[in-house]
Amino acid sequence: MIFSMTGYGRVEKTLHNRTIAVELRSVNNRYLDCTVKLPRLYFFAEESVKARVQKYISRGKVDVFISVDQRGAENVSVSLNRPVAEGYLNAMQMMGEAFGLENDLTVSALSRFPDVFIMEKEQPDTEMLTADICAVLDLALENHALMRRREGNRLVEDIKGRLSLLSSLADQAELRSPQTVTEYRNRLEQKMREILEHTAVDEARILTEVALFADKVSVNEEIVRLRSHLDQAADLLNSDGPVGRKLDFLLQELNREVNTIGSKGNDVEMARLVVDIKAELEKVREQVQNIE
């Protein structure tokens, strides 16, 4: 199964009274580059999230956005700060005695003074929170993979069509090569007859020149390697796992063979075929850039 590097997935789920939302976006990249954006309180889960992403994705620029709403999960304890309360109470009593005032202090009034109460939030269970975040992340990664698989299927169909066209162009180049030699022989013989108008043409010399030319412009070996690379590319498209880098390498080899054919071709028709092959290879290269 071939996957595109471009994809999107989002899942929101409530676990242990916390609403966790995970969103993934990915585009093509030579290597895996994963960026995780978490609320500051949950930075402890970042490495676990990255490790999870690496299990599903081998290359691409991946951005992971995670939000956690824990308003229903907060546990806050309130306790009396006894030393502070006693200090306020003693001070108020002393003030009443010092100025001859009635001590009308009440619990309600005392509770309004600063720091009379201590409020503490329960420390989060980091292991449980990490597990919950990763559970939602797995669901988002599955949605992300579905989109990448659909896009990958479209890429494969397009590339297979272009590989078929490249194979046809290679056939035409192979057929054209011997015709180039024949046309060269005819031109050479005609030229020699024009120069040596009343002299017998040395057939052996013509054969030697033609043989040298044929060896120089023969593209049989390049065509064989070209077809071999095309077959390997087709096999990769039918295989499982990441194949983008292997296809990148094969395209480099295909371009190398085509450049050699172009340098050997001493013919307008062959040059046209080389241009057409290069144009298709460039279209394949653009598509391969999106394959994982």
Protein backbone atom coordinates (compact mmCIF):
# COMPACT_ATOMS: atom_id res chain seq x y z
CA MET A 1 0.00 0.00 0.00
CA ILE A 2 1.40 3.36 -1.09
CA PHE A 3 0.81 6.43 1.10
CA SER A 4 0.98 10.08 0.19
CA MET A 5 2.87 12.36 2.55
CA THR A 6 0.00 14.86 2.43
CA GLY A 7 -2.80 14.22 4.92
CA TYR A 8 -5.08 15.54 7.64
CA GLY A 9 -6.76 13.95 10.63
CA ARG A 10 -8.65 15.23 13.68
CA VAL A 11 -10.30 13.52 16.65
CA GLU A 12 -11.84 14.88 19.85
CA LYS A 13 -12.65 12.55 22.74
CA THR A 14 -13.42 12.82 26.45
CA LEU A 15 -11.41 10.55 28.76
CA HIS A 16 -11.36 10.74 32.57
CA ASN A 17 -13.43 13.95 32.45
CA ARG A 18 -10.90 15.63 30.16
CA THR A 19 -11.74 16.58 26.58
CA ILE A 20 -8.71 15.92 24.40
CA ALA A 21 -8.51 17.13 20.79
CA VAL A 22 -5.73 16.03 18.44
CA GLU A 23 -5.21 17.45 14.96
CA LEU A 24 -2.54 16.30 12.46
CA ARG A 25 -1.40 17.96 9.26
CA SER A 26 1.38 16.68 7.01
CA VAL A 27 3.07 17.69 3.77
CA ASN A 28 5.95 16.25 1.78
CA ASN A 29 9.48 16.41 3.15
CA ARG A 30 12.67 14.48 2.49
CA TYR A 31 12.82 13.14 6.04
CA LEU A 32 10.44 12.87 8.99
CA ASP A 33 10.11 16.23 10.73
CA CYS A 34 7.54 16.10 13.53
CA THR A 35 6.48 19.20 15.48
CA VAL A 36 4.20 18.79 18.52
CA LYS A 37 2.28 21.70 20.02
CA LEU A 38 0.95 20.94 23.52
CA PRO A 39 -0.38 23.09 26.37
CA ARG A 40 2.50 23.95 28.69
CA LEU A 41 1.01 21.82 31.49
CA TYR A 42 1.33 18.69 29.31
CA PHE A 43 4.85 19.04 27.92
CA PHE A 44 5.70 15.76 29.65
CA ALA A 45 3.79 13.89 26.90
CA GLU A 46 5.72 15.37 23.95
CA GLU A 47 8.28 12.58 23.50
CA SER A 48 5.60 9.88 23.74
CA VAL A 49 3.58 11.67 21.06
CA LYS A 50 6.58 11.90 18.72
CA ALA A 51 7.39 8.22 19.24
CA ARG A 52 3.78 7.35 18.39
CA VAL A 53 3.89 9.40 15.18
CA GLN A 54 7.11 7.65 14.09
CA LYS A 55 5.35 4.29 14.27
CA TYR A 56 2.81 5.42 11.67
CA ILE A 57 4.79 7.82 9.47
CA SER A 58 8.29 7.37 8.03
CA ARG A 59 8.82 10.73 6.33
CA GLY A 60 7.09 14.06 5.81
CA LYS A 61 6.62 17.37 7.63
CA VAL A 62 4.08 16.54 10.35
CA ASP A 63 2.47 19.10 12.67
CA VAL A 64 0.55 17.75 15.68
CA PHE A 65 -1.76 20.11 17.60
CA ILE A 66 -3.12 18.90 20.96
CA SER A 67 -5.53 20.70 23.28
CA VAL A 68 -6.82 19.48 26.66
CA ASP A 69 -9.89 20.86 28.42
CA GLN A 70 -9.78 19.57 32.01
CA ARG A 71 -12.36 21.81 33.65
CA GLY A 72 -14.39 18.78 34.67
CA ALA A 73 -11.36 16.95 36.01
CA GLU A 74 -9.82 19.54 38.33
CA ASN A 75 -9.72 18.52 41.99
CA VAL A 76 -9.08 21.44 44.34
CA SER A 77 -8.71 21.12 48.12
CA VAL A 78 -9.32 24.07 50.48
CA SER A 79 -7.85 24.09 54.03
CA LEU A 80 -7.60 26.62 56.85
CA ASN A 81 -4.29 28.42 57.21
CA ARG A 82 -4.52 28.26 61.01
CA PRO A 83 -1.43 30.32 61.93
CA VAL A 84 -2.57 33.17 59.68
CA ALA A 85 -6.16 33.05 60.97
CA GLU A 86 -4.98 33.04 64.59
CA GLY A 87 -2.70 35.96 63.86
CA TYR A 88 -5.61 37.99 62.44
CA LEU A 89 -7.84 37.02 65.40
CA ASN A 90 -5.24 37.99 68.05
CA ALA A 91 -4.52 41.26 66.31
CA MET A 92 -8.22 42.15 66.19
CA GLN A 93 -8.64 41.35 69.90
CA MET A 94 -5.63 43.52 70.78
CA MET A 95 -7.02 46.35 68.67
CA GLY A 96 -10.37 46.15 70.52
CA GLU A 97 -8.70 46.26 73.90
CA ALA A 98 -6.36 49.08 72.91
CA PHE A 99 -9.13 51.39 71.68
CA GLY A 100 -11.99 50.21 73.88
CA LEU A 101 -13.94 48.83 70.96
CA GLU A 102 -16.32 45.91 70.87
CA ASN A 103 -14.86 42.87 69.19
CA ASP A 104 -17.50 42.13 66.53
CA LEU A 105 -15.28 39.83 64.45
CA THR A 106 -17.19 36.96 62.78
CA VAL A 107 -16.11 33.90 60.84
CA SER A 108 -17.46 35.48 57.66
CA ALA A 109 -15.43 38.61 58.22
CA LEU A 110 -12.28 36.69 59.14
CA SER A 111 -12.53 34.54 55.98
CA ARG A 112 -12.20 37.67 53.84
CA PHE A 113 -8.67 38.40 55.01
CA PRO A 114 -5.84 37.38 52.60
CA ASP A 115 -4.25 33.94 52.91
CA VAL A 116 -6.69 32.65 55.52
CA PHE A 117 -7.38 29.66 53.29
CA ILE A 118 -4.95 27.45 51.37
CA MET A 119 -6.10 26.18 47.96
CA GLU A 120 -4.24 23.26 46.38
CA LYS A 121 -4.80 21.57 43.04
CA GLU A 122 -4.30 17.83 42.86
CA GLN A 123 -1.16 16.89 40.95
CA PRO A 124 -2.03 15.24 37.61
CA ASP A 125 -1.27 11.57 36.97
CA THR A 126 1.24 12.03 34.14
CA GLU A 127 1.22 8.39 33.08
CA MET A 128 -2.55 8.28 32.79
CA LEU A 129 -2.67 11.61 30.97
CA THR A 130 0.02 10.52 28.52
CA ALA A 131 -1.87 7.29 27.84
CA ASP A 132 -5.11 9.24 27.23
CA ILE A 133 -3.42 11.70 24.88
CA CYS A 134 -1.79 8.86 22.93
CA ALA A 135 -5.12 6.99 22.72
CA VAL A 136 -6.76 9.99 21.04
CA LEU A 137 -3.65 10.50 18.92
CA ASP A 138 -3.93 6.93 17.60
CA LEU A 139 -7.47 7.64 16.39
CA ALA A 140 -6.35 10.85 14.68
CA LEU A 141 -3.46 8.97 13.05
CA GLU A 142 -5.91 6.40 11.67
CA ASN A 143 -7.99 9.16 10.07
CA HIS A 144 -4.81 10.75 8.80
CA ALA A 145 -3.72 7.43 7.27
CA LEU A 146 -7.06 7.01 5.47
CA MET A 147 -6.59 10.31 3.68
CA ARG A 148 -2.96 9.55 2.86
CA ARG A 149 -3.95 6.13 1.46
CA ARG A 150 -6.63 7.63 -0.81
CA GLU A 151 -4.20 10.25 -2.07
CA GLY A 152 -1.52 7.58 -2.47
CA ASN A 153 -3.82 5.47 -4.67
CA ARG A 154 -4.41 8.45 -6.97
CA LEU A 155 -0.67 9.08 -7.21
CA VAL A 156 0.02 5.43 -8.04
CA GLU A 157 -2.55 5.35 -10.85
CA ASP A 158 -1.13 8.53 -12.36
CA ILE A 159 2.48 7.32 -12.15
CA LYS A 160 1.63 3.90 -13.61
CA GLY A 161 0.06 5.61 -16.61
CA ARG A 162 3.17 7.71 -17.13
CA LEU A 163 5.47 4.69 -16.77
CA SER A 164 3.45 2.97 -19.50
CA LEU A 165 3.91 6.00 -21.75
CA LEU A 166 7.64 6.05 -20.98
CA SER A 167 7.89 2.39 -21.96
CA SER A 168 6.19 3.20 -25.28
CA LEU A 169 8.61 6.10 -25.90
CA ALA A 170 11.53 3.77 -25.12
CA ASP A 171 10.22 1.35 -27.76
CA GLN A 172 10.13 4.17 -30.29
CA ALA A 173 13.69 5.17 -29.43
CA GLU A 174 14.84 1.59 -29.85
CA LEU A 175 13.19 1.37 -33.29
CA ARG A 176 14.61 4.72 -34.32
CA SER A 177 18.24 3.86 -33.50
CA PRO A 178 18.91 1.48 -36.46
CA GLN A 179 17.04 3.81 -38.82
CA THR A 180 19.45 6.55 -37.82
CA VAL A 181 22.35 4.34 -38.88
CA THR A 182 20.71 3.49 -42.23
CA GLU A 183 19.99 7.14 -42.97
CA TYR A 184 23.57 8.03 -42.07
CA ARG A 185 24.88 5.36 -44.46
CA ASN A 186 22.72 6.74 -47.28
CA ARG A 187 23.86 10.31 -46.63
CA LEU A 188 27.50 9.24 -46.41
CA GLU A 189 27.33 7.26 -49.67
CA GLN A 190 25.58 10.11 -51.48
CA LYS A 191 28.15 12.61 -50.25
CA MET A 192 31.04 10.44 -51.33
CA ARG A 193 29.52 9.97 -54.76
CA GLU A 194 29.12 13.73 -55.13
CA ILE A 195 32.74 14.30 -54.18
CA LEU A 196 34.10 11.38 -56.20
CA GLU A 197 31.77 11.94 -59.13
CA HIS A 198 33.68 9.86 -61.72
CA THR A 199 35.47 7.55 -59.31
CA ALA A 200 34.32 4.19 -58.01
CA VAL A 201 33.20 4.42 -54.38
CA ASP A 202 35.15 2.28 -51.94
CA GLU A 203 32.40 0.10 -50.42
CA ALA A 204 34.70 -1.18 -47.68
CA ARG A 205 35.46 2.35 -46.56
CA ILE A 206 31.74 3.12 -46.38
CA LEU A 207 31.10 -0.01 -44.32
CA THR A 208 33.89 0.96 -41.92
CA GLU A 209 32.54 4.47 -41.46
CA VAL A 210 29.00 3.18 -40.99
CA ALA A 211 30.18 0.61 -38.43
CA LEU A 212 32.00 3.29 -36.45
CA PHE A 213 28.95 5.52 -36.55
CA ALA A 214 26.61 2.69 -35.54
CA ASP A 215 28.80 1.90 -32.53
CA LYS A 216 28.85 5.56 -31.57
CA VAL A 217 25.08 6.13 -31.72
CA SER A 218 23.83 2.74 -30.55
CA VAL A 219 21.52 3.11 -27.56
CA ASN A 220 20.68 -0.56 -27.06
CA GLU A 221 22.42 -0.80 -23.69
CA GLU A 222 20.78 2.38 -22.46
CA ILE A 223 17.34 1.18 -23.60
CA VAL A 224 17.84 -2.13 -21.75
CA ARG A 225 18.74 -0.31 -18.54
CA LEU A 226 15.90 2.17 -19.08
CA ARG A 227 13.37 -0.66 -19.31
CA SER A 228 14.88 -2.36 -16.27
CA HIS A 229 14.46 0.81 -14.19
CA LEU A 230 10.88 1.24 -15.42
CA ASP A 231 10.08 -2.34 -14.42
CA GLN A 232 11.60 -1.80 -10.97
CA ALA A 233 9.56 1.36 -10.51
CA ALA A 234 6.37 -0.52 -11.46
CA ASP A 235 7.22 -3.28 -8.96
CA LEU A 236 7.77 -0.72 -6.20
CA LEU A 237 4.34 0.79 -6.85
CA ASN A 238 2.82 -2.63 -6.20
CA SER A 239 4.76 -3.24 -2.98
CA ASP A 240 4.03 -2.43 0.67
CA GLY A 241 5.85 0.05 2.85
CA PRO A 242 7.59 3.37 2.15
CA VAL A 243 9.01 3.49 -1.40
CA GLY A 244 9.44 7.21 -2.05
CA ARG A 245 13.21 7.29 -1.59
CA LYS A 246 13.73 4.22 -3.79
CA LEU A 247 11.62 5.81 -6.52
CA ASP A 248 13.68 9.00 -6.17
CA PHE A 249 16.84 6.98 -6.81
CA LEU A 250 15.34 5.16 -9.81
CA LEU A 251 14.31 8.47 -11.35
CA GLN A 252 17.88 9.70 -11.09
CA GLU A 253 19.06 6.57 -12.90
CA LEU A 254 16.37 6.96 -15.56
CA ASN A 255 17.42 10.54 -16.19
CA ARG A 256 21.03 9.43 -16.48
CA GLU A 257 20.16 6.87 -19.18
CA VAL A 258 17.99 9.36 -21.07
CA ASN A 259 20.77 11.96 -21.02
CA THR A 260 23.14 9.38 -22.51
CA ILE A 261 20.61 8.54 -25.24
CA GLY A 262 20.27 12.23 -25.98
CA SER A 263 24.03 12.73 -26.25
CA LYS A 264 24.37 9.76 -28.62
CA GLY A 265 21.38 10.64 -30.76
CA ASN A 266 22.50 12.36 -33.94
CA ASP A 267 18.99 12.70 -35.23
CA VAL A 268 16.08 15.16 -34.99
CA GLU A 269 13.50 12.43 -34.36
CA MET A 270 15.59 10.87 -31.60
CA ALA A 271 16.06 14.30 -30.02
CA ARG A 272 12.28 14.78 -30.02
CA LEU A 273 11.79 11.42 -28.30
CA VAL A 274 14.37 12.33 -25.66
CA VAL A 275 12.56 15.61 -24.95
CA ASP A 276 9.24 13.76 -24.59
CA ILE A 277 10.80 11.19 -22.24
CA LYS A 278 12.37 13.90 -20.08
CA ALA A 279 9.07 15.78 -19.89
CA GLU A 280 7.29 12.65 -18.62
CA LEU A 281 10.07 11.85 -16.16
CA GLU A 282 9.73 15.33 -14.70
CA LYS A 283 5.99 14.79 -14.22
CA VAL A 284 6.70 11.47 -12.51
CA ARG A 285 9.32 13.14 -10.31
CA GLU A 286 6.79 15.75 -9.18
CA GLN A 287 4.35 13.02 -8.18
CA VAL A 288 7.00 10.91 -6.45
CA GLN A 289 7.88 13.91 -4.25
CA ASN A 290 4.54 13.32 -2.52
CA ILE A 291 4.99 9.59 -1.90
CA GLU A 292 6.11 8.42 1.54
